[in-house]
N, C-alpha and C. Protein backbone atom coordinates (compact mmCIF):
# COMPACT_ATOMS: atom_id res chain seq x y z
N MET A 1 -51.00 23.64 -11.44
CA MET A 1 -50.10 22.71 -10.74
C MET A 1 -49.46 23.53 -9.59
N ARG A 2 -49.34 22.71 -8.53
CA ARG A 2 -48.75 23.22 -7.26
C ARG A 2 -47.32 23.41 -7.47
N ILE A 3 -46.70 24.51 -6.89
CA ILE A 3 -45.34 24.81 -7.04
C ILE A 3 -44.64 24.16 -5.86
N GLN A 4 -43.63 23.34 -6.08
CA GLN A 4 -42.85 22.80 -5.00
C GLN A 4 -41.78 23.76 -4.46
N VAL A 5 -41.67 23.87 -3.26
CA VAL A 5 -40.62 24.76 -2.66
C VAL A 5 -39.61 23.92 -1.96
N LEU A 6 -38.37 24.17 -2.43
CA LEU A 6 -37.27 23.40 -1.85
C LEU A 6 -36.95 23.90 -0.43
N PRO A 7 -36.68 22.98 0.45
CA PRO A 7 -36.31 23.40 1.90
C PRO A 7 -34.89 23.80 1.98
N VAL A 8 -34.10 23.77 1.02
CA VAL A 8 -32.68 24.12 1.00
C VAL A 8 -32.52 25.56 0.52
N VAL A 9 -31.45 26.22 0.98
CA VAL A 9 -31.10 27.52 0.42
C VAL A 9 -29.78 27.45 -0.23
N ALA A 10 -29.75 27.86 -1.47
CA ALA A 10 -28.48 27.74 -2.27
C ALA A 10 -27.62 28.97 -1.88
N ASN A 11 -26.28 28.77 -1.87
CA ASN A 11 -25.38 29.90 -1.67
C ASN A 11 -25.16 30.68 -2.91
N GLU A 12 -24.98 31.97 -2.80
CA GLU A 12 -24.69 32.82 -3.93
C GLU A 12 -23.54 32.26 -4.71
N ARG A 13 -23.68 32.10 -6.04
CA ARG A 13 -22.63 31.59 -7.00
C ARG A 13 -22.10 30.23 -6.61
N GLY A 14 -22.90 29.53 -5.75
CA GLY A 14 -22.43 28.13 -5.43
C GLY A 14 -23.00 27.13 -6.45
N THR A 15 -23.42 25.99 -5.96
CA THR A 15 -23.92 24.91 -6.86
C THR A 15 -25.12 24.32 -6.24
N LEU A 16 -26.11 24.05 -7.09
CA LEU A 16 -27.39 23.41 -6.59
C LEU A 16 -27.76 22.35 -7.68
N PHE A 17 -27.95 21.09 -7.21
CA PHE A 17 -28.28 19.98 -8.09
C PHE A 17 -29.73 19.81 -8.08
N MET A 18 -30.38 19.94 -9.25
CA MET A 18 -31.82 19.80 -9.43
C MET A 18 -32.20 18.49 -9.97
N GLY A 19 -32.65 17.57 -9.13
CA GLY A 19 -33.06 16.21 -9.66
C GLY A 19 -34.51 16.38 -10.21
N ILE A 20 -34.70 15.76 -11.31
CA ILE A 20 -36.02 15.78 -12.01
C ILE A 20 -36.52 14.36 -12.29
N PRO A 21 -37.45 13.91 -11.44
CA PRO A 21 -38.12 12.67 -11.74
C PRO A 21 -39.34 12.84 -12.64
N PHE A 22 -39.40 12.24 -13.78
CA PHE A 22 -40.53 12.41 -14.59
C PHE A 22 -41.60 11.27 -14.26
N THR A 23 -42.77 11.67 -13.91
CA THR A 23 -43.79 10.67 -13.53
C THR A 23 -45.10 11.02 -14.15
N ASP A 24 -46.01 10.02 -14.26
CA ASP A 24 -47.36 10.34 -14.76
C ASP A 24 -48.23 10.67 -13.57
N ASP A 25 -49.49 10.97 -13.83
CA ASP A 25 -50.38 11.36 -12.78
C ASP A 25 -50.61 10.31 -11.62
N ALA A 26 -50.21 9.16 -11.85
CA ALA A 26 -50.24 8.06 -10.82
C ALA A 26 -48.91 7.88 -10.03
N GLY A 27 -47.97 8.69 -10.43
CA GLY A 27 -46.63 8.67 -9.89
C GLY A 27 -45.70 7.58 -10.48
N VAL A 28 -46.01 7.00 -11.57
CA VAL A 28 -45.26 6.02 -12.18
C VAL A 28 -44.25 6.67 -13.14
N ALA A 29 -43.04 6.23 -13.11
CA ALA A 29 -41.95 6.83 -13.90
C ALA A 29 -42.23 6.68 -15.32
N VAL A 30 -42.05 7.75 -16.18
CA VAL A 30 -42.24 7.77 -17.55
C VAL A 30 -41.01 8.36 -18.19
N THR A 31 -40.79 8.11 -19.50
CA THR A 31 -39.68 8.71 -20.24
C THR A 31 -40.33 9.82 -21.12
N PRO A 32 -39.82 11.11 -20.91
CA PRO A 32 -40.48 12.16 -21.78
C PRO A 32 -40.02 12.02 -23.22
N ASP A 33 -40.87 12.51 -24.12
CA ASP A 33 -40.62 12.67 -25.48
C ASP A 33 -39.78 13.86 -25.67
N SER A 34 -39.97 14.92 -24.92
CA SER A 34 -39.18 16.11 -25.00
C SER A 34 -39.16 16.81 -23.66
N ALA A 35 -38.18 17.61 -23.32
CA ALA A 35 -38.13 18.39 -22.09
C ALA A 35 -37.25 19.57 -22.11
N VAL A 36 -37.69 20.60 -21.59
CA VAL A 36 -36.85 21.93 -21.57
C VAL A 36 -37.04 22.48 -20.13
N TRP A 37 -36.08 23.29 -19.73
CA TRP A 37 -36.12 23.94 -18.46
C TRP A 37 -35.80 25.39 -18.55
N SER A 38 -36.29 26.23 -17.64
CA SER A 38 -36.04 27.60 -17.53
C SER A 38 -35.80 27.96 -16.13
N LEU A 39 -35.06 29.03 -15.92
CA LEU A 39 -34.78 29.69 -14.60
C LEU A 39 -35.13 31.08 -14.64
N THR A 40 -35.93 31.49 -13.74
CA THR A 40 -36.46 32.86 -13.62
C THR A 40 -36.47 33.37 -12.24
N LYS A 41 -36.61 34.65 -12.10
CA LYS A 41 -37.01 35.25 -10.81
C LYS A 41 -38.48 35.13 -10.77
N THR A 42 -39.10 35.34 -9.61
CA THR A 42 -40.60 35.09 -9.48
C THR A 42 -41.40 36.05 -10.27
N ASP A 43 -40.78 37.20 -10.78
CA ASP A 43 -41.53 38.19 -11.62
C ASP A 43 -41.42 37.77 -13.15
N GLY A 44 -40.79 36.64 -13.38
CA GLY A 44 -40.70 36.17 -14.76
C GLY A 44 -39.41 36.62 -15.49
N THR A 45 -38.57 37.30 -14.85
CA THR A 45 -37.29 37.71 -15.47
C THR A 45 -36.37 36.51 -15.61
N VAL A 46 -35.91 36.21 -16.84
CA VAL A 46 -35.08 35.05 -17.05
C VAL A 46 -33.65 35.33 -16.44
N VAL A 47 -33.13 34.33 -15.80
CA VAL A 47 -31.86 34.41 -15.10
C VAL A 47 -30.80 33.72 -15.94
N ASN A 48 -29.67 34.46 -16.20
CA ASN A 48 -28.58 33.91 -16.97
C ASN A 48 -28.88 33.31 -18.32
N SER A 49 -29.82 33.87 -19.06
CA SER A 49 -30.24 33.44 -20.35
C SER A 49 -30.66 31.92 -20.28
N ARG A 50 -31.23 31.50 -19.15
CA ARG A 50 -31.59 30.08 -19.03
C ARG A 50 -33.16 29.96 -19.32
N GLU A 51 -33.47 30.03 -20.60
CA GLU A 51 -34.83 29.88 -21.01
C GLU A 51 -34.96 28.75 -22.03
N ASP A 52 -35.94 27.77 -21.76
CA ASP A 52 -36.11 26.68 -22.68
C ASP A 52 -34.88 25.96 -23.08
N VAL A 53 -34.02 25.61 -22.07
CA VAL A 53 -32.88 24.83 -22.30
C VAL A 53 -33.22 23.37 -22.51
N VAL A 54 -32.86 22.85 -23.59
CA VAL A 54 -33.21 21.50 -23.96
C VAL A 54 -32.51 20.41 -23.21
N ILE A 55 -33.18 19.46 -22.73
CA ILE A 55 -32.67 18.22 -22.11
C ILE A 55 -32.68 17.20 -23.22
N SER A 56 -31.46 16.98 -23.71
CA SER A 56 -31.27 16.00 -24.83
C SER A 56 -31.51 14.58 -24.43
N ALA A 57 -32.35 13.90 -25.25
CA ALA A 57 -32.72 12.49 -24.99
C ALA A 57 -33.04 12.28 -23.50
N PRO A 58 -34.08 12.86 -23.00
CA PRO A 58 -34.41 12.78 -21.57
C PRO A 58 -34.79 11.27 -21.20
N SER A 59 -34.36 10.93 -20.01
CA SER A 59 -34.73 9.63 -19.35
C SER A 59 -35.76 9.85 -18.28
N SER A 60 -36.19 8.86 -17.55
CA SER A 60 -37.19 9.00 -16.55
C SER A 60 -36.70 9.83 -15.28
N VAL A 61 -35.33 9.93 -15.14
CA VAL A 61 -34.82 10.82 -14.11
C VAL A 61 -33.62 11.57 -14.73
N GLU A 62 -33.62 12.83 -14.48
CA GLU A 62 -32.60 13.75 -14.99
C GLU A 62 -32.09 14.63 -13.91
N GLU A 63 -30.89 15.27 -14.16
CA GLU A 63 -30.30 16.17 -13.18
C GLU A 63 -29.78 17.36 -13.92
N VAL A 64 -30.13 18.54 -13.45
CA VAL A 64 -29.62 19.74 -13.94
C VAL A 64 -28.75 20.44 -12.85
N VAL A 65 -27.61 20.84 -13.19
CA VAL A 65 -26.74 21.55 -12.29
C VAL A 65 -26.78 23.03 -12.47
N LEU A 66 -27.18 23.75 -11.46
CA LEU A 66 -27.18 25.27 -11.40
C LEU A 66 -26.01 25.70 -10.67
N SER A 67 -25.27 26.68 -11.21
CA SER A 67 -24.07 27.16 -10.58
C SER A 67 -23.68 28.60 -11.09
N GLY A 68 -22.71 29.17 -10.50
CA GLY A 68 -22.20 30.42 -10.93
C GLY A 68 -23.22 31.50 -11.17
N ASN A 69 -23.40 32.03 -12.34
CA ASN A 69 -24.33 33.08 -12.69
C ASN A 69 -25.75 32.67 -12.52
N ASP A 70 -26.07 31.34 -12.50
CA ASP A 70 -27.48 30.85 -12.23
C ASP A 70 -27.82 31.28 -10.81
N LEU A 71 -26.85 31.37 -9.92
CA LEU A 71 -27.13 31.51 -8.57
C LEU A 71 -26.54 32.93 -8.06
N ALA A 72 -26.44 33.79 -9.10
CA ALA A 72 -25.95 35.22 -8.69
C ALA A 72 -27.07 35.98 -8.04
N ILE A 73 -26.69 36.86 -7.16
CA ILE A 73 -27.75 37.76 -6.60
C ILE A 73 -27.92 38.97 -7.54
N LEU A 74 -29.13 39.17 -7.88
CA LEU A 74 -29.49 40.17 -8.83
C LEU A 74 -30.11 41.50 -8.28
N ASP A 75 -30.72 41.35 -7.13
CA ASP A 75 -31.40 42.53 -6.63
C ASP A 75 -30.85 43.04 -5.32
N GLY A 76 -29.79 42.40 -4.67
CA GLY A 76 -29.15 42.94 -3.55
C GLY A 76 -29.78 42.50 -2.25
N GLY A 77 -30.92 41.77 -2.18
CA GLY A 77 -31.50 41.39 -0.97
C GLY A 77 -30.71 40.32 -0.25
N GLU A 78 -31.08 40.04 0.97
CA GLU A 78 -30.46 38.98 1.74
C GLU A 78 -30.79 37.62 1.19
N LEU A 79 -31.98 37.43 0.69
CA LEU A 79 -32.41 36.14 -0.01
C LEU A 79 -33.20 36.45 -1.27
N GLU A 80 -32.91 35.80 -2.29
CA GLU A 80 -33.66 35.98 -3.58
C GLU A 80 -34.27 34.66 -3.95
N THR A 81 -35.51 34.74 -4.42
CA THR A 81 -36.21 33.54 -4.84
C THR A 81 -36.10 33.26 -6.35
N ARG A 82 -35.81 32.10 -6.69
CA ARG A 82 -35.83 31.63 -8.15
C ARG A 82 -36.88 30.60 -8.40
N GLU A 83 -37.30 30.54 -9.63
CA GLU A 83 -38.23 29.51 -10.09
C GLU A 83 -37.54 28.76 -11.19
N PHE A 84 -37.48 27.43 -10.97
CA PHE A 84 -36.97 26.46 -11.93
C PHE A 84 -38.07 25.70 -12.47
N VAL A 85 -38.48 25.79 -13.75
CA VAL A 85 -39.55 25.11 -14.38
C VAL A 85 -39.13 24.22 -15.46
N VAL A 86 -39.61 22.93 -15.43
CA VAL A 86 -39.34 22.01 -16.46
C VAL A 86 -40.72 21.79 -17.15
N LYS A 87 -40.69 22.08 -18.52
CA LYS A 87 -41.80 21.85 -19.37
C LYS A 87 -41.50 20.57 -20.23
N TRP A 88 -42.45 19.55 -20.19
CA TRP A 88 -42.15 18.31 -20.88
C TRP A 88 -43.40 17.74 -21.48
N THR A 89 -43.20 16.77 -22.39
CA THR A 89 -44.37 16.05 -22.97
C THR A 89 -43.92 14.55 -22.88
N TRP A 90 -44.96 13.72 -22.83
CA TRP A 90 -44.83 12.31 -22.87
C TRP A 90 -46.03 11.74 -23.54
N THR A 91 -46.01 10.45 -23.96
CA THR A 91 -47.07 9.87 -24.76
C THR A 91 -47.68 8.78 -23.91
N ARG A 92 -49.09 8.85 -23.83
CA ARG A 92 -49.94 7.82 -23.17
C ARG A 92 -50.80 7.31 -24.25
N GLY A 93 -50.49 6.05 -24.69
CA GLY A 93 -51.24 5.50 -25.91
C GLY A 93 -50.92 6.42 -27.07
N ALA A 94 -51.96 6.98 -27.67
CA ALA A 94 -51.81 7.83 -28.93
C ALA A 94 -51.86 9.30 -28.49
N VAL A 95 -51.93 9.58 -27.13
CA VAL A 95 -52.08 11.06 -26.78
C VAL A 95 -50.85 11.56 -26.29
N VAL A 96 -50.44 12.74 -26.77
CA VAL A 96 -49.26 13.50 -26.24
C VAL A 96 -49.67 14.34 -25.03
N VAL A 97 -49.10 14.07 -23.93
CA VAL A 97 -49.56 14.74 -22.70
C VAL A 97 -48.51 15.78 -22.33
N PRO A 98 -48.83 17.09 -22.19
CA PRO A 98 -47.87 18.03 -21.69
C PRO A 98 -47.96 18.14 -20.22
N ALA A 99 -46.86 18.52 -19.65
CA ALA A 99 -46.73 18.64 -18.19
C ALA A 99 -45.72 19.80 -17.82
N ASN A 100 -45.86 20.36 -16.69
CA ASN A 100 -44.95 21.36 -16.09
C ASN A 100 -44.56 20.95 -14.72
N SER A 101 -43.33 21.19 -14.30
CA SER A 101 -42.89 20.85 -13.02
C SER A 101 -42.19 22.07 -12.50
N PRO A 102 -42.90 23.03 -11.71
CA PRO A 102 -42.25 24.20 -11.18
C PRO A 102 -41.68 23.96 -9.77
N VAL A 103 -40.52 24.47 -9.47
CA VAL A 103 -39.90 24.43 -8.21
C VAL A 103 -39.35 25.81 -7.88
N ARG A 104 -39.57 26.19 -6.63
CA ARG A 104 -39.04 27.46 -6.15
C ARG A 104 -37.93 27.18 -5.15
N PHE A 105 -36.93 28.01 -5.07
CA PHE A 105 -35.88 27.90 -4.05
C PHE A 105 -35.31 29.32 -3.87
N GLN A 106 -34.58 29.37 -2.82
CA GLN A 106 -33.95 30.69 -2.45
C GLN A 106 -32.40 30.66 -2.51
N VAL A 107 -31.85 31.88 -2.86
CA VAL A 107 -30.44 31.98 -2.99
C VAL A 107 -30.03 33.00 -1.92
N ARG A 108 -28.99 32.57 -1.12
CA ARG A 108 -28.52 33.42 -0.08
C ARG A 108 -27.43 34.31 -0.46
N ASN A 109 -27.48 35.62 -0.19
CA ASN A 109 -26.51 36.58 -0.50
C ASN A 109 -25.41 36.53 0.53
N LEU A 110 -24.19 36.25 -0.04
CA LEU A 110 -23.00 36.10 0.82
C LEU A 110 -22.06 37.33 0.61
N ALA A 111 -21.73 37.93 1.74
CA ALA A 111 -20.80 39.07 1.71
C ALA A 111 -19.57 38.77 1.00
N GLY A 112 -19.18 39.62 0.08
CA GLY A 112 -17.91 39.42 -0.56
C GLY A 112 -17.88 38.51 -1.78
N VAL A 113 -19.06 37.84 -2.11
CA VAL A 113 -19.03 36.95 -3.13
C VAL A 113 -19.42 37.43 -4.43
N GLY A 114 -20.29 38.38 -4.45
CA GLY A 114 -21.00 38.96 -5.72
C GLY A 114 -19.93 39.57 -6.63
């Protein structure tokens, strides 16, 4: 699956709203049977213990709010890249279909915020 790259840069320890539209392979909205999300650095290191966070009773569109330690600078660079991945399943007929929705975005290091 192709990784979507967000054109916005989040500010260190700010807030970023992650909209999650769940769609089938034709782009039609579906309601997931289950969904979890994780937040990592690009090397796979989990950020702020955000691994397999359950989205309770998911609907066809969800929103996750990342803030505070989710958007902390960990390595001291000017920009750091995060990967937000939603793993979900939905049912087509009698078949349970797994899906992954990866999104990358950057966090800007702000002087005096860390």
